[in-house]
C-alpha atoms as a PDB file:
ATOM      1  CA  MET A   1      -5.235  18.519   0.577  1.00  0.00           C
ATOM      2  CA  ASN A   2      -3.536  18.943  -2.861  1.00  0.00           C
ATOM      3  CA  ALA A   3      -3.250  16.258  -5.485  1.00  0.00           C
ATOM      4  CA  ASP A   4       0.334  15.555  -4.677  1.00  0.00           C
ATOM      5  CA  SER A   5      -0.570  14.593  -1.032  1.00  0.00           C
ATOM      6  CA  ILE A   6      -3.509  12.528  -2.118  1.00  0.00           C
ATOM      7  CA  VAL A   7      -1.340  10.614  -4.587  1.00  0.00           C
ATOM      8  CA  GLY A   8       1.314  10.086  -1.942  1.00  0.00           C
ATOM      9  CA  LEU A   9      -1.129   8.848   0.514  1.00  0.00           C
ATOM     10  CA  SER A  10      -2.653   6.458  -1.910  1.00  0.00           C
ATOM     11  CA  VAL A  11       0.743   5.038  -2.861  1.00  0.00           C
ATOM     12  CA  ALA A  12       1.780   4.712   0.807  1.00  0.00           C
ATOM     13  CA  ILE A  13      -1.583   2.803   1.748  1.00  0.00           C
ATOM     14  CA  ALA A  14      -1.140   0.611  -1.350  1.00  0.00           C
ATOM     15  CA  LEU A  15       2.426  -0.349  -0.364  1.00  0.00           C
ATOM     16  CA  LEU A  16       1.364  -1.019   3.306  1.00  0.00           C
ATOM     17  CA  GLY A  17      -1.492  -3.018   2.253  1.00  0.00           C
ATOM     18  CA  TYR A  18       0.675  -5.166  -0.219  1.00  0.00           C
ATOM     19  CA  LEU A  19       3.186  -5.640   2.556  1.00  0.00           C
ATOM     20  CA  VAL A  20       0.638  -6.826   4.929  1.00  0.00           C
ATOM     21  CA  LEU A  21      -1.003  -9.220   2.522  1.00  0.00           C
ATOM     22  CA  ALA A  22       2.396 -10.551   1.706  1.00  0.00           C
ATOM     23  CA  LEU A  23       2.826 -11.395   5.385  1.00  0.00           C
ATOM     24  CA  ILE A  24      -0.608 -12.933   5.910  1.00  0.00           C
ATOM     25  CA  PHE A  25      -0.514 -14.961   2.539  1.00  0.00           C
ATOM     26  CA  PRO A  26       3.189 -15.639   1.821  1.00  0.00           C
ATOM     27  CA  GLU A  27       2.307 -18.547  -0.605  1.00  0.00           C
ATOM     28  CA  ARG A  28       0.638 -16.213  -3.005  1.00  0.00           C
ATOM     29  CA  PHE A  29       3.745 -14.090  -3.560  1.00  0.00           C
END
């Protein structure tokens, strides 16, 4: 894996995690 794919996966995972947290804890966002 090169740096671009690692950065892309990190961003995608971060966005998915943020969306899941926003759905679970809507009062915090």
